[in-house]
Amino acid sequence: MSTVDPERAREGRRRAWREGPASRIVLAVAGLALGLFAVILGVGFMVDVDSSRITSLNSVFADWDSNLDGLRWTFPVGMVGVLLGVFGMVFAASASTGRHFSFPVAGPVTIGVVGAAIGVSIAAPMMTEPLTVGTRTDPVFFEHEPWGPWDWFWYEVTWWGPLLAWTLAAVAIGIAILARRRRRARRELLATVLASGLIARGVVTKAPVPSSEGSNYITTITVRFVDHVGTERWTRCSGAWSKASLPQAGKFVAVLFDPAAAGDGRRIWVGPVGSVDVDGFTRWGFGV
């Protein structure tokens, strides 16, 4: 019978995996796959738009065939691939960093939106030209109708579609940059508090009870601890847990606080029992 602590052995294996190159390779492959399927999805979105567009711009008696009919497979394939890519990136990031929703370079939302913008830009020049620009031509009864503002709006989707897609991509990139800067500042503050702060034993007073259906949880727990002068305080920790790691009411946790501002929730961190460094006190947080 082995005398090695099984939990410590599992943590050692997880740490070896995270620190090795294989976990980063898996994350990179998942990110590339997500980007590729997002491009396909962007093309598929424009395929559907082109079908609706050409039936509106041409007369009911004119040709409604779209130039992109042969690409109708792109939307369902792209949608399924993007969903699988997102799950793959979340799993790979958790395996490579040890924390849920922590992505070293770019997250799935940013990759997905940029990939979709590329797909939209690829498909836009391929969209079907109407029979007559500006007129809904009737080749049977010759009852032609001039386009209205809505028709012109959809005709010009070939340029405003990619513009809108890249605007959304730029917003996603900007939000990602701001979130990364905030994360870096938060970790720097954590390192500062670690150097001069205190670690107390806290007890979970409120936490959701795991259900038989769920395996991962994004939730908030409430923790009570006593500061350096004996004052009882409460703090809340929002994060992501597996079913096995979700702390239940009555369980102990580690609480790091700044004795100079013990009541400042921004200078309080919660982590598993035994946490003494940045890695421990960011284990449960979002994207840290």
Protein backbone atom coordinates (compact mmCIF):
# COMPACT_ATOMS: atom_id res chain seq x y z
CA MET A 1 0.00 0.00 0.00
CA SER A 2 1.38 3.43 -0.97
CA THR A 3 2.09 5.96 1.79
CA VAL A 4 2.10 8.93 -0.61
CA ASP A 5 -0.66 11.50 -0.18
CA PRO A 6 -2.88 10.90 -3.27
CA GLU A 7 -4.03 14.52 -3.42
CA ARG A 8 -0.45 15.77 -3.32
CA ALA A 9 0.48 13.24 -6.01
CA ARG A 10 -2.37 14.45 -8.24
CA GLU A 11 -1.36 18.06 -7.72
CA GLY A 12 2.22 17.14 -8.62
CA ARG A 13 1.06 15.55 -11.86
CA ARG A 14 -1.12 18.56 -12.67
CA ARG A 15 1.76 20.95 -11.98
CA ALA A 16 4.13 18.91 -14.18
CA TRP A 17 1.56 19.02 -16.98
CA ARG A 18 1.03 22.76 -16.63
CA GLU A 19 4.74 23.55 -16.58
CA GLY A 20 5.56 21.28 -19.52
CA PRO A 21 5.28 22.26 -23.21
CA ALA A 22 2.47 19.82 -24.03
CA SER A 23 -0.25 21.86 -22.31
CA ARG A 24 0.72 25.00 -24.22
CA ILE A 25 0.72 23.07 -27.50
CA VAL A 26 -2.78 21.75 -26.81
CA LEU A 27 -4.00 25.28 -26.03
CA ALA A 28 -2.42 26.66 -29.22
CA VAL A 29 -3.99 23.91 -31.35
CA ALA A 30 -7.40 24.54 -29.77
CA GLY A 31 -7.07 28.28 -30.43
CA LEU A 32 -6.07 27.73 -34.07
CA ALA A 33 -8.97 25.32 -34.59
CA LEU A 34 -11.39 27.82 -33.05
CA GLY A 35 -10.08 30.59 -35.32
CA LEU A 36 -10.43 28.40 -38.43
CA PHE A 37 -14.01 27.40 -37.63
CA ALA A 38 -14.85 31.03 -36.82
CA VAL A 39 -13.68 31.99 -40.33
CA ILE A 40 -15.93 29.25 -41.76
CA LEU A 41 -18.83 30.50 -39.63
CA GLY A 42 -18.30 34.06 -40.89
CA VAL A 43 -18.49 32.81 -44.46
CA GLY A 44 -21.62 30.81 -43.61
CA PHE A 45 -23.30 33.86 -42.11
CA MET A 46 -22.78 35.80 -45.34
CA VAL A 47 -24.09 32.82 -47.37
CA ASP A 48 -27.40 33.06 -45.51
CA VAL A 49 -27.43 36.85 -45.87
CA ASP A 50 -26.82 36.56 -49.63
CA SER A 51 -29.79 34.21 -50.11
CA SER A 52 -32.16 36.61 -48.33
CA ARG A 53 -30.60 39.61 -50.07
CA ILE A 54 -30.96 38.36 -53.65
CA THR A 55 -34.60 37.33 -53.19
CA SER A 56 -35.33 40.85 -52.00
CA LEU A 57 -33.42 42.69 -54.73
CA ASN A 58 -34.73 40.65 -57.66
CA SER A 59 -38.32 40.30 -58.78
CA VAL A 60 -40.32 37.23 -57.82
CA PHE A 61 -40.06 36.11 -61.46
CA ALA A 62 -36.30 36.67 -61.70
CA ASP A 63 -33.44 34.33 -60.90
CA TRP A 64 -32.92 33.81 -57.13
CA ASP A 65 -29.89 31.55 -57.35
CA SER A 66 -27.08 32.68 -55.08
CA ASN A 67 -23.42 32.53 -56.06
CA LEU A 68 -22.76 31.07 -52.61
CA ASP A 69 -25.26 28.19 -52.66
CA GLY A 70 -22.37 25.72 -52.83
CA LEU A 71 -21.14 27.02 -49.46
CA ARG A 72 -24.30 26.38 -47.45
CA TRP A 73 -22.43 23.76 -45.43
CA THR A 74 -20.22 26.46 -43.90
CA PHE A 75 -22.77 27.76 -41.38
CA PRO A 76 -23.64 24.45 -39.61
CA VAL A 77 -20.06 23.22 -39.78
CA GLY A 78 -18.72 26.54 -38.54
CA MET A 79 -21.25 26.73 -35.70
CA VAL A 80 -20.49 23.22 -34.43
CA GLY A 81 -16.74 23.79 -34.84
CA VAL A 82 -16.82 27.09 -32.94
CA LEU A 83 -18.70 25.53 -30.02
CA LEU A 84 -16.25 22.64 -29.87
CA GLY A 85 -13.34 25.08 -30.18
CA VAL A 86 -14.60 27.18 -27.27
CA PHE A 87 -14.97 24.11 -25.05
CA GLY A 88 -11.55 22.91 -26.20
CA MET A 89 -9.89 26.22 -25.34
CA VAL A 90 -11.54 26.39 -21.91
CA PHE A 91 -10.43 22.84 -21.14
CA ALA A 92 -6.91 23.40 -22.48
CA ALA A 93 -6.52 26.72 -20.65
CA SER A 94 -7.64 25.13 -17.39
CA ALA A 95 -5.15 22.30 -17.92
CA SER A 96 -2.27 24.59 -18.89
CA THR A 97 -2.76 27.35 -16.29
CA GLY A 98 -4.52 25.48 -13.49
CA ARG A 99 -7.30 28.10 -13.47
CA HIS A 100 -10.60 28.25 -15.30
CA PHE A 101 -11.00 30.94 -17.98
CA SER A 102 -7.38 32.08 -17.82
CA PHE A 103 -5.92 32.38 -21.31
CA PRO A 104 -2.23 33.29 -21.68
CA VAL A 105 -2.58 35.19 -24.99
CA ALA A 106 -6.15 35.60 -26.27
CA GLY A 107 -9.48 34.19 -25.16
CA PRO A 108 -12.03 32.35 -27.30
CA VAL A 109 -14.32 35.38 -27.67
CA THR A 110 -11.57 37.51 -29.20
CA ILE A 111 -10.35 34.71 -31.47
CA GLY A 112 -13.90 33.87 -32.53
CA VAL A 113 -14.93 37.44 -33.37
CA VAL A 114 -11.74 38.16 -35.31
CA GLY A 115 -12.06 34.86 -37.19
CA ALA A 116 -15.69 35.59 -38.07
CA ALA A 117 -14.69 39.06 -39.34
CA ILE A 118 -12.14 37.44 -41.64
CA GLY A 119 -14.80 35.04 -42.95
CA VAL A 120 -17.26 37.86 -43.56
CA SER A 121 -14.58 39.81 -45.46
CA ILE A 122 -13.78 36.77 -47.61
CA ALA A 123 -17.41 36.12 -48.55
CA ALA A 124 -18.59 39.71 -49.07
CA PRO A 125 -16.98 40.22 -52.54
CA MET A 126 -18.48 36.90 -53.66
CA MET A 127 -22.08 37.93 -53.02
CA THR A 128 -24.57 37.69 -55.89
CA GLU A 129 -25.20 40.76 -58.06
CA PRO A 130 -28.90 41.53 -58.67
CA LEU A 131 -30.34 41.40 -62.17
CA THR A 132 -30.46 45.19 -62.33
CA VAL A 133 -28.92 47.53 -59.78
CA GLY A 134 -31.54 49.95 -58.49
CA THR A 135 -34.55 48.18 -59.99
CA ARG A 136 -36.47 45.03 -59.13
CA THR A 137 -36.65 43.83 -62.74
CA ASP A 138 -39.58 41.66 -63.83
CA PRO A 139 -38.47 39.62 -66.90
CA VAL A 140 -41.96 38.13 -67.40
CA PHE A 141 -44.56 40.89 -67.05
CA PHE A 142 -42.10 43.80 -67.22
CA GLU A 143 -43.61 45.43 -64.14
CA HIS A 144 -40.36 46.84 -62.85
CA GLU A 145 -40.13 48.41 -59.39
CA PRO A 146 -37.48 50.86 -58.18
CA TRP A 147 -35.62 49.90 -55.03
CA GLY A 148 -36.51 51.51 -51.75
CA PRO A 149 -34.08 52.56 -48.97
CA TRP A 150 -34.24 49.09 -47.39
CA ASP A 151 -33.23 47.47 -50.68
CA TRP A 152 -30.26 49.80 -51.07
CA PHE A 153 -29.29 49.07 -47.49
CA TRP A 154 -29.06 45.34 -48.21
CA TYR A 155 -27.38 45.88 -51.55
CA GLU A 156 -24.54 47.72 -49.82
CA VAL A 157 -24.00 44.91 -47.28
CA THR A 158 -20.91 43.98 -49.30
CA TRP A 159 -19.07 46.88 -47.65
CA TRP A 160 -20.90 47.62 -44.43
CA GLY A 161 -21.03 43.93 -43.47
CA PRO A 162 -17.22 43.58 -43.23
CA LEU A 163 -17.02 47.06 -41.66
CA LEU A 164 -19.47 46.05 -38.92
CA ALA A 165 -17.66 42.74 -38.39
CA TRP A 166 -14.28 44.41 -37.99
CA THR A 167 -15.76 47.07 -35.71
CA LEU A 168 -17.01 44.31 -33.42
CA ALA A 169 -13.60 42.64 -33.66
CA ALA A 170 -11.88 45.90 -32.69
CA VAL A 171 -14.22 46.27 -29.70
CA ALA A 172 -13.49 42.69 -28.62
CA ILE A 173 -9.74 43.26 -28.90
CA GLY A 174 -10.02 46.52 -26.94
CA ILE A 175 -12.01 44.86 -24.16
CA ALA A 176 -9.49 42.02 -24.05
CA ILE A 177 -6.59 44.48 -23.73
CA LEU A 178 -8.33 46.39 -20.93
CA ALA A 179 -9.17 43.13 -19.14
CA ARG A 180 -5.56 41.98 -19.41
CA ARG A 181 -4.28 45.27 -18.01
CA ARG A 182 -6.76 45.05 -15.15
CA ARG A 183 -5.66 41.49 -14.46
CA ARG A 184 -2.00 42.53 -14.44
CA ALA A 185 -2.74 45.40 -12.04
CA ARG A 186 -4.75 43.07 -9.80
CA ARG A 187 -1.90 40.55 -9.66
CA GLU A 188 0.62 43.31 -8.89
CA LEU A 189 -1.59 44.48 -6.00
CA LEU A 190 -1.85 40.89 -4.80
CA ALA A 191 1.94 40.55 -4.82
CA THR A 192 2.22 43.77 -2.81
CA VAL A 193 -0.31 42.63 -0.22
CA LEU A 194 1.40 39.24 0.02
CA ALA A 195 4.62 40.98 1.00
CA SER A 196 3.08 42.87 3.93
CA GLY A 197 -0.33 41.32 4.53
CA LEU A 198 -1.61 38.54 6.74
CA ILE A 199 -3.18 35.19 5.96
CA ALA A 200 -6.07 34.12 8.17
CA ARG A 201 -8.11 30.96 8.30
CA GLY A 202 -11.58 31.61 6.96
CA VAL A 203 -14.68 29.46 7.00
CA VAL A 204 -17.22 29.23 4.19
CA THR A 205 -20.62 30.39 5.45
CA LYS A 206 -22.57 30.19 2.20
CA ALA A 207 -21.96 28.14 -0.96
CA PRO A 208 -24.16 26.33 -3.49
CA VAL A 209 -24.70 22.63 -3.00
CA PRO A 210 -23.34 20.66 -5.99
CA SER A 211 -25.99 18.90 -8.03
CA SER A 212 -25.71 15.49 -9.62
CA GLU A 213 -25.94 17.03 -13.12
CA GLY A 214 -23.23 19.69 -12.89
CA SER A 215 -19.48 19.11 -13.08
CA ASN A 216 -18.23 22.73 -13.14
CA TYR A 217 -19.58 25.77 -11.35
CA ILE A 218 -19.33 29.51 -11.85
CA THR A 219 -20.64 30.98 -8.63
CA THR A 220 -19.93 33.03 -5.50
CA ILE A 221 -19.14 31.84 -1.99
CA THR A 222 -19.29 33.82 1.27
CA VAL A 223 -16.40 33.53 3.74
CA ARG A 224 -16.06 34.65 7.37
CA PHE A 225 -12.67 35.38 8.94
CA VAL A 226 -11.22 37.19 11.93
CA ASP A 227 -8.71 39.94 11.26
CA HIS A 228 -5.53 40.79 13.23
CA VAL A 229 -7.40 42.79 15.90
CA GLY A 230 -10.10 40.18 16.47
CA THR A 231 -12.81 41.78 14.34
CA GLU A 232 -15.07 39.31 12.57
CA ARG A 233 -15.38 40.10 8.86
CA TRP A 234 -17.07 38.63 5.79
CA THR A 235 -15.97 38.62 2.18
CA ARG A 236 -17.28 37.09 -1.03
CA CYS A 237 -15.30 35.22 -3.65
CA SER A 238 -16.60 34.81 -7.20
CA GLY A 239 -14.90 32.20 -9.29
CA ALA A 240 -14.97 28.91 -11.14
CA TRP A 241 -14.72 25.50 -9.50
CA SER A 242 -14.92 21.88 -10.45
CA LYS A 243 -17.48 19.81 -8.58
CA ALA A 244 -14.73 18.26 -6.46
CA SER A 245 -13.03 21.55 -5.57
CA LEU A 246 -16.13 23.64 -4.79
CA PRO A 247 -15.83 24.48 -1.06
CA GLN A 248 -18.95 23.80 0.95
CA ALA A 249 -20.37 25.65 3.96
CA GLY A 250 -18.31 24.92 7.05
CA LYS A 251 -15.11 24.20 5.13
CA PHE A 252 -11.94 26.16 5.81
CA VAL A 253 -10.18 28.39 3.27
CA ALA A 254 -7.22 30.77 3.33
CA VAL A 255 -7.92 34.51 3.41
CA LEU A 256 -5.26 37.08 2.57
CA PHE A 257 -5.95 40.64 3.75
CA ASP A 258 -4.15 43.92 4.23
CA PRO A 259 -3.98 44.74 7.96
CA ALA A 260 -3.77 48.44 7.09
CA ALA A 261 -7.17 48.19 5.34
CA ALA A 262 -8.79 45.02 6.65
CA GLY A 263 -12.25 46.18 5.59
CA ASP A 264 -11.29 46.92 1.98
CA GLY A 265 -12.74 44.11 -0.12
CA ARG A 266 -10.44 45.01 -3.03
CA ARG A 267 -7.46 44.01 -0.87
CA ILE A 268 -8.84 40.63 0.20
CA TRP A 269 -8.25 37.35 -1.61
CA VAL A 270 -9.58 33.87 -0.92
CA GLY A 271 -7.83 30.64 -1.85
CA PRO A 272 -7.57 26.98 -0.88
CA VAL A 273 -6.16 26.08 2.52
CA GLY A 274 -2.36 26.31 2.37
CA SER A 275 -2.25 29.13 -0.19
CA VAL A 276 0.81 31.30 0.36
CA ASP A 277 1.57 32.76 -3.08
CA VAL A 278 0.00 34.43 -6.12
CA ASP A 279 -0.86 31.11 -7.72
CA GLY A 280 -2.81 29.96 -4.68
CA PHE A 281 -4.83 33.14 -4.23
CA THR A 282 -5.73 33.36 -7.93
CA ARG A 283 -6.71 29.71 -8.24
CA TRP A 284 -10.43 30.39 -8.03
CA GLY A 285 -10.72 33.79 -9.71
CA PHE A 286 -11.93 34.57 -13.24
CA GLY A 287 -9.24 35.03 -15.89
CA VAL A 288 -6.46 35.74 -13.39
